Amino acid sequence: MELRIHPAAEHELDEALNWCKAHYGQRASTRLRLQFERAGELLMTHPELGSPAPTQARQLPLRRYPFTLIYRIDGAVIHVLAVMHQRRKPGYWDERK
């Protein structure tokens, strides 16, 4: 499996990392990045692991952080569409391909 990250999802992750660093320090930001990377590795071996999300996507919450990966499976490619904060309204990523 191949993991592709939508540019908007990459931007969301960068914002989350910067916020985490500003409020909790570099160590917390690094842990968030590691959680994201582990989730991506897990999805590449078990793409159906996440639960169904609105708009024909799937969702996988990150452990210990209020973020959820929103992704779609397209053959051998996993498209990460959003790194959604869990307080955001679901479905805002629907237009992302």
Foldseek 3Di string as FASTA:
>chain_A
DAEAEDPQQVVQLVVVLVVCCVPPNNVRSVVSVVQVVVVVVVCLVVVCPFDDDPQQWGWDDGPPAQWIFTWHDDPNYIYGQHGDRNPDDPDPSNPPD
